[in-house]
C-alpha atoms as a PDB file:
ATOM      1  CA  UNK A   1      63.288 109.962  87.936  1.00  0.00           C
ATOM      2  CA  UNK A   2      66.142 108.103  86.217  1.00  0.00           C
ATOM      3  CA  UNK A   3      63.735 105.494  84.927  1.00  0.00           C
ATOM      4  CA  UNK A   4      61.425 108.174  83.433  1.00  0.00           C
ATOM      5  CA  UNK A   5      64.270 109.729  81.420  1.00  0.00           C
ATOM      6  CA  UNK A   6      65.402 106.346  80.188  1.00  0.00           C
ATOM      7  CA  UNK A   7      61.885 105.515  79.021  1.00  0.00           C
ATOM      8  CA  UNK A   8      61.594 108.938  77.382  1.00  0.00           C
ATOM      9  CA  UNK A   9      64.849 108.452  75.414  1.00  0.00           C
ATOM     10  CA  UNK A  10      63.869 104.974  74.304  1.00  0.00           C
ATOM     11  CA  UNK A  11      60.421 106.205  73.221  1.00  0.00           C
ATOM     12  CA  UNK A  12      61.944 109.106  71.278  1.00  0.00           C
ATOM     13  CA  UNK A  13      64.368 106.731  69.572  1.00  0.00           C
ATOM     14  CA  UNK A  14      61.619 104.279  68.622  1.00  0.00           C
ATOM     15  CA  UNK A  15      59.425 107.123  67.399  1.00  0.00           C
ATOM     16  CA  UNK A  16      62.255 108.381  65.198  1.00  0.00           C
ATOM     17  CA  UNK A  17      62.908 104.937  63.749  1.00  0.00           C
ATOM     18  CA  UNK A  18      59.204 104.230  63.210  1.00  0.00           C
ATOM     19  CA  UNK A  19      58.794 107.577  61.426  1.00  0.00           C
ATOM     20  CA  UNK A  20      61.578 106.583  59.076  1.00  0.00           C
ATOM     21  CA  UNK A  21      60.022 103.195  58.418  1.00  0.00           C
ATOM     22  CA  UNK A  22      56.496 104.542  57.996  1.00  0.00           C
ATOM     23  CA  UNK A  23      57.303 106.686  55.027  1.00  0.00           C
ATOM     24  CA  UNK A  24      58.482 110.022  56.349  1.00  0.00           C
ATOM     25  CA  UNK A  25      61.783 109.502  54.555  1.00  0.00           C
ATOM     26  CA  UNK A  26      62.559 112.078  51.933  1.00  0.00           C
ATOM     27  CA  UNK A  27      62.760 111.169  48.269  1.00  0.00           C
ATOM     28  CA  UNK A  28      65.741 112.591  46.427  1.00  0.00           C
ATOM     29  CA  UNK A  29      65.369 112.754  42.644  1.00  0.00           C
ATOM     30  CA  UNK A  30      67.428 114.088  39.768  1.00  0.00           C
ATOM     31  CA  UNK A  31      66.680 114.357  36.069  1.00  0.00           C
ATOM     32  CA  UNK A  32      68.495 115.349  32.913  1.00  0.00           C
ATOM     33  CA  UNK A  33      66.996 118.770  32.117  1.00  0.00           C
ATOM     34  CA  UNK A  34      67.655 118.306  28.382  1.00  0.00           C
ATOM     35  CA  UNK A  35      65.539 115.157  28.128  1.00  0.00           C
ATOM     36  CA  UNK A  36      62.038 115.067  26.645  1.00  0.00           C
ATOM     37  CA  UNK A  37      60.558 112.225  28.687  1.00  0.00           C
ATOM     38  CA  UNK A  38      57.399 112.144  26.552  1.00  0.00           C
ATOM     39  CA  UNK A  39      59.416 111.238  23.430  1.00  0.00           C
ATOM     40  CA  UNK A  40      60.030 107.729  24.800  1.00  0.00           C
ATOM     41  CA  UNK A  41      57.481 104.969  24.276  1.00  0.00           C
ATOM     42  CA  UNK A  42      59.047 101.673  25.434  1.00  0.00           C
ATOM     43  CA  UNK A  43      61.018 100.303  28.373  1.00  0.00           C
ATOM     44  CA  UNK A  44      62.527  97.147  29.809  1.00  0.00           C
ATOM     45  CA  UNK A  45      63.519  96.225  33.367  1.00  0.00           C
ATOM     46  CA  UNK A  46      67.244  95.631  33.937  1.00  0.00           C
ATOM     47  CA  UNK A  47      67.518  91.856  34.423  1.00  0.00           C
ATOM     48  CA  UNK A  48      70.776  92.109  36.367  1.00  0.00           C
ATOM     49  CA  UNK A  49      69.054  94.057  39.151  1.00  0.00           C
ATOM     50  CA  UNK A  50      66.758  91.086  39.828  1.00  0.00           C
ATOM     51  CA  UNK A  51      69.678  89.011  41.124  1.00  0.00           C
ATOM     52  CA  UNK A  52      70.226  88.962  44.888  1.00  0.00           C
ATOM     53  CA  UNK A  53      73.854  89.819  45.572  1.00  0.00           C
ATOM     54  CA  UNK A  54      73.866  90.373  49.333  1.00  0.00           C
ATOM     55  CA  UNK A  55      72.504  87.467  51.357  1.00  0.00           C
ATOM     56  CA  UNK A  56      72.873  89.055  54.809  1.00  0.00           C
ATOM     57  CA  UNK A  57      69.152  89.901  55.000  1.00  0.00           C
ATOM     58  CA  UNK A  58      67.287  87.072  53.254  1.00  0.00           C
ATOM     59  CA  UNK A  59      64.042  88.033  55.004  1.00  0.00           C
ATOM     60  CA  UNK A  60      64.087  91.413  53.197  1.00  0.00           C
ATOM     61  CA  UNK A  61      66.336  91.029  50.138  1.00  0.00           C
ATOM     62  CA  UNK A  62      65.342  87.910  48.257  1.00  0.00           C
ATOM     63  CA  UNK A  63      64.107  86.872  44.822  1.00  0.00           C
ATOM     64  CA  UNK A  64      60.458  87.337  45.799  1.00  0.00           C
ATOM     65  CA  UNK A  65      61.071  90.896  47.025  1.00  0.00           C
ATOM     66  CA  UNK A  66      63.040  91.779  43.903  1.00  0.00           C
ATOM     67  CA  UNK A  67      60.289  90.390  41.657  1.00  0.00           C
ATOM     68  CA  UNK A  68      57.760  92.464  43.606  1.00  0.00           C
ATOM     69  CA  UNK A  69      59.921  95.563  43.032  1.00  0.00           C
ATOM     70  CA  UNK A  70      60.069  94.672  39.313  1.00  0.00           C
ATOM     71  CA  UNK A  71      56.267  94.437  39.117  1.00  0.00           C
ATOM     72  CA  UNK A  72      55.837  97.759  40.942  1.00  0.00           C
ATOM     73  CA  UNK A  73      58.317  99.444  38.561  1.00  0.00           C
ATOM     74  CA  UNK A  74      56.483  98.063  35.535  1.00  0.00           C
ATOM     75  CA  UNK A  75      53.173  99.355  36.934  1.00  0.00           C
ATOM     76  CA  UNK A  76      54.579 102.847  37.540  1.00  0.00           C
ATOM     77  CA  UNK A  77      56.077 103.039  34.037  1.00  0.00           C
ATOM     78  CA  UNK A  78      52.790 101.893  32.461  1.00  0.00           C
ATOM     79  CA  UNK A  79      50.921 104.566  34.446  1.00  0.00           C
ATOM     80  CA  UNK A  80      53.139 107.087  32.672  1.00  0.00           C
ATOM     81  CA  UNK A  81      52.238 105.773  29.223  1.00  0.00           C
ATOM     82  CA  UNK A  82      55.250 103.562  28.505  1.00  0.00           C
ATOM     83  CA  UNK A  83      54.953 100.048  27.082  1.00  0.00           C
ATOM     84  CA  UNK A  84      57.040  97.078  28.209  1.00  0.00           C
ATOM     85  CA  UNK A  85      59.075  95.813  25.244  1.00  0.00           C
ATOM     86  CA  UNK A  86      61.996  93.419  25.508  1.00  0.00           C
ATOM     87  CA  UNK A  87      63.122  93.364  21.865  1.00  0.00           C
ATOM     88  CA  UNK A  88      64.073  97.007  21.214  1.00  0.00           C
ATOM     89  CA  UNK A  89      63.256  99.225  24.216  1.00  0.00           C
ATOM     90  CA  UNK A  90      64.177 102.889  24.367  1.00  0.00           C
ATOM     91  CA  UNK A  91      64.490 103.008  28.153  1.00  0.00           C
ATOM     92  CA  UNK A  92      65.902 100.676  30.763  1.00  0.00           C
ATOM     93  CA  UNK A  93      64.485 100.874  34.276  1.00  0.00           C
ATOM     94  CA  UNK A  94      66.553  99.466  37.080  1.00  0.00           C
ATOM     95  CA  UNK A  95      67.059  99.623  40.791  1.00  0.00           C
ATOM     96  CA  UNK A  96      69.643  99.206  43.485  1.00  0.00           C
ATOM     97  CA  UNK A  97      68.317  97.770  46.715  1.00  0.00           C
ATOM     98  CA  UNK A  98      70.494  97.420  49.800  1.00  0.00           C
ATOM     99  CA  UNK A  99      69.920  96.591  53.433  1.00  0.00           C
ATOM    100  CA  UNK A 100      72.580  97.328  56.029  1.00  0.00           C
ATOM    101  CA  UNK A 101      72.980  97.470  59.777  1.00  0.00           C
ATOM    102  CA  UNK A 102      72.906 100.861  61.431  1.00  0.00           C
ATOM    103  CA  UNK A 103      73.561 101.810  65.016  1.00  0.00           C
ATOM    104  CA  UNK A 104      72.528 104.787  67.089  1.00  0.00           C
ATOM    105  CA  UNK A 105      73.849 105.682  70.531  1.00  0.00           C
ATOM    106  CA  UNK A 106      71.950 107.740  73.065  1.00  0.00           C
ATOM    107  CA  UNK A 107      73.587 109.249  76.124  1.00  0.00           C
ATOM    108  CA  UNK A 108      71.381 109.338  79.194  1.00  0.00           C
ATOM    109  CA  UNK A 109      72.651 111.601  81.977  1.00  0.00           C
ATOM    110  CA  UNK A 110      71.019 111.827  85.366  1.00  0.00           C
ATOM    111  CA  UNK A 111      71.727 112.922  88.916  1.00  0.00           C
ATOM    112  CA  UNK A 112      72.584 109.872  90.986  1.00  0.00           C
ATOM    113  CA  UNK A 113      71.285 111.492  94.154  1.00  0.00           C
ATOM    114  CA  UNK A 114      70.964 114.951  95.648  1.00  0.00           C
ATOM    115  CA  UNK A 115      74.442 114.746  97.248  1.00  0.00           C
ATOM    116  CA  UNK A 116      76.354 113.750  94.090  1.00  0.00           C
ATOM    117  CA  UNK A 117      78.672 116.306  92.563  1.00  0.00           C
ATOM    118  CA  UNK A 118      78.619 114.831  89.016  1.00  0.00           C
ATOM    119  CA  UNK A 119      75.723 113.482  87.043  1.00  0.00           C
ATOM    120  CA  UNK A 120      75.919 109.836  86.090  1.00  0.00           C
ATOM    121  CA  UNK A 121      75.786 109.080  82.367  1.00  0.00           C
ATOM    122  CA  UNK A 122      75.070 105.903  80.515  1.00  0.00           C
ATOM    123  CA  UNK A 123      75.416 105.326  76.789  1.00  0.00           C
ATOM    124  CA  UNK A 124      72.838 103.010  75.299  1.00  0.00           C
ATOM    125  CA  UNK A 125      73.227 101.633  71.799  1.00  0.00           C
ATOM    126  CA  UNK A 126      70.398 100.441  69.567  1.00  0.00           C
ATOM    127  CA  UNK A 127      70.754  98.503  66.320  1.00  0.00           C
ATOM    128  CA  UNK A 128      68.378  98.568  63.375  1.00  0.00           C
ATOM    129  CA  UNK A 129      68.401  97.741  59.676  1.00  0.00           C
ATOM    130  CA  UNK A 130      68.271 100.454  57.033  1.00  0.00           C
ATOM    131  CA  UNK A 131      67.001 100.017  53.481  1.00  0.00           C
ATOM    132  CA  UNK A 132      68.139 102.093  50.520  1.00  0.00           C
ATOM    133  CA  UNK A 133      66.234 101.944  47.254  1.00  0.00           C
ATOM    134  CA  UNK A 134      67.502 103.758  44.172  1.00  0.00           C
ATOM    135  CA  UNK A 135      65.480 103.654  40.972  1.00  0.00           C
ATOM    136  CA  UNK A 136      67.019 104.781  37.712  1.00  0.00           C
ATOM    137  CA  UNK A 137      65.839 105.225  34.143  1.00  0.00           C
ATOM    138  CA  UNK A 138      68.401 105.099  31.332  1.00  0.00           C
ATOM    139  CA  UNK A 139      68.255 106.075  27.684  1.00  0.00           C
ATOM    140  CA  UNK A 140      69.618 102.928  26.025  1.00  0.00           C
ATOM    141  CA  UNK A 141      70.655 104.668  22.804  1.00  0.00           C
ATOM    142  CA  UNK A 142      72.670 107.336  24.652  1.00  0.00           C
ATOM    143  CA  UNK A 143      73.759 104.842  27.349  1.00  0.00           C
ATOM    144  CA  UNK A 144      72.980 107.506  29.948  1.00  0.00           C
ATOM    145  CA  UNK A 145      70.849 107.757  33.092  1.00  0.00           C
ATOM    146  CA  UNK A 146      68.183 110.395  32.489  1.00  0.00           C
ATOM    147  CA  UNK A 147      66.365 110.154  35.840  1.00  0.00           C
ATOM    148  CA  UNK A 148      66.906 108.640  39.249  1.00  0.00           C
ATOM    149  CA  UNK A 149      65.078 108.736  42.536  1.00  0.00           C
ATOM    150  CA  UNK A 150      66.052 107.325  45.908  1.00  0.00           C
ATOM    151  CA  UNK A 151      64.828 106.858  49.446  1.00  0.00           C
ATOM    152  CA  UNK A 152      66.375 105.569  52.673  1.00  0.00           C
ATOM    153  CA  UNK A 153      64.126 103.961  55.270  1.00  0.00           C
ATOM    154  CA  UNK A 154      64.619 102.193  58.567  1.00  0.00           C
ATOM    155  CA  UNK A 155      63.387  98.614  58.686  1.00  0.00           C
ATOM    156  CA  UNK A 156      61.625  98.099  61.990  1.00  0.00           C
ATOM    157  CA  UNK A 157      58.795  96.079  60.500  1.00  0.00           C
ATOM    158  CA  UNK A 158      58.257  92.415  59.879  1.00  0.00           C
ATOM    159  CA  UNK A 159      59.210  91.004  56.469  1.00  0.00           C
ATOM    160  CA  UNK A 160      55.502  90.477  55.719  1.00  0.00           C
ATOM    161  CA  UNK A 161      54.687  94.136  56.334  1.00  0.00           C
ATOM    162  CA  UNK A 162      57.828  95.186  54.458  1.00  0.00           C
ATOM    163  CA  UNK A 163      56.639  93.477  51.293  1.00  0.00           C
ATOM    164  CA  UNK A 164      53.342  95.362  51.515  1.00  0.00           C
ATOM    165  CA  UNK A 165      55.133  98.726  51.662  1.00  0.00           C
ATOM    166  CA  UNK A 166      57.136  98.231  48.459  1.00  0.00           C
ATOM    167  CA  UNK A 167      54.365  99.525  46.182  1.00  0.00           C
ATOM    168  CA  UNK A 168      53.825 102.608  48.343  1.00  0.00           C
ATOM    169  CA  UNK A 169      57.554 103.332  48.499  1.00  0.00           C
ATOM    170  CA  UNK A 170      58.043 103.007  44.744  1.00  0.00           C
ATOM    171  CA  UNK A 171      54.935 105.113  44.074  1.00  0.00           C
ATOM    172  CA  UNK A 172      56.348 107.778  46.397  1.00  0.00           C
ATOM    173  CA  UNK A 173      59.636 107.827  44.494  1.00  0.00           C
ATOM    174  CA  UNK A 174      57.832 108.005  41.137  1.00  0.00           C
ATOM    175  CA  UNK A 175      55.889 111.094  42.258  1.00  0.00           C
ATOM    176  CA  UNK A 176      59.154 112.877  41.425  1.00  0.00           C
ATOM    177  CA  UNK A 177      59.257 111.469  37.865  1.00  0.00           C
ATOM    178  CA  UNK A 178      58.836 114.187  35.198  1.00  0.00           C
ATOM    179  CA  UNK A 179      55.676 112.625  33.690  1.00  0.00           C
END
């Protein structure tokens, strides 16, 4: 009986984490209501955001991953009718990408035997990595962010699979873009 509850808790935990990593995370987006997004024609990607600053997770946050994010951002902006222009862009598109350790504790309580007065409890702790991706679009003339979207996901996948989900994650965030 004790073993069944322990398995149930572990399965529920893994199901929760896998749901987060498989895309059930909610996108949060905000926009400047006074902005006419169709008035803009050109954009550039923020070069500073391509630099890896945190080296704790090189399998997830590395130059290759950041370049893949850059390409996905460029694709999403082009789908919305904007042109990439480095010399005098109207918009700057950037991102903040972080990976950090998270921990969840689950308390399993069970009757030790039929003669015990108190139930025995055991706290089990599980560690996982969590990814946050924030995408922002700034009006360069006003020096102001006019739109941003973000998502938080658990990373329970291999680095190879993670790289394949970047396009889907960015596309999901851009569904909230005004155009």
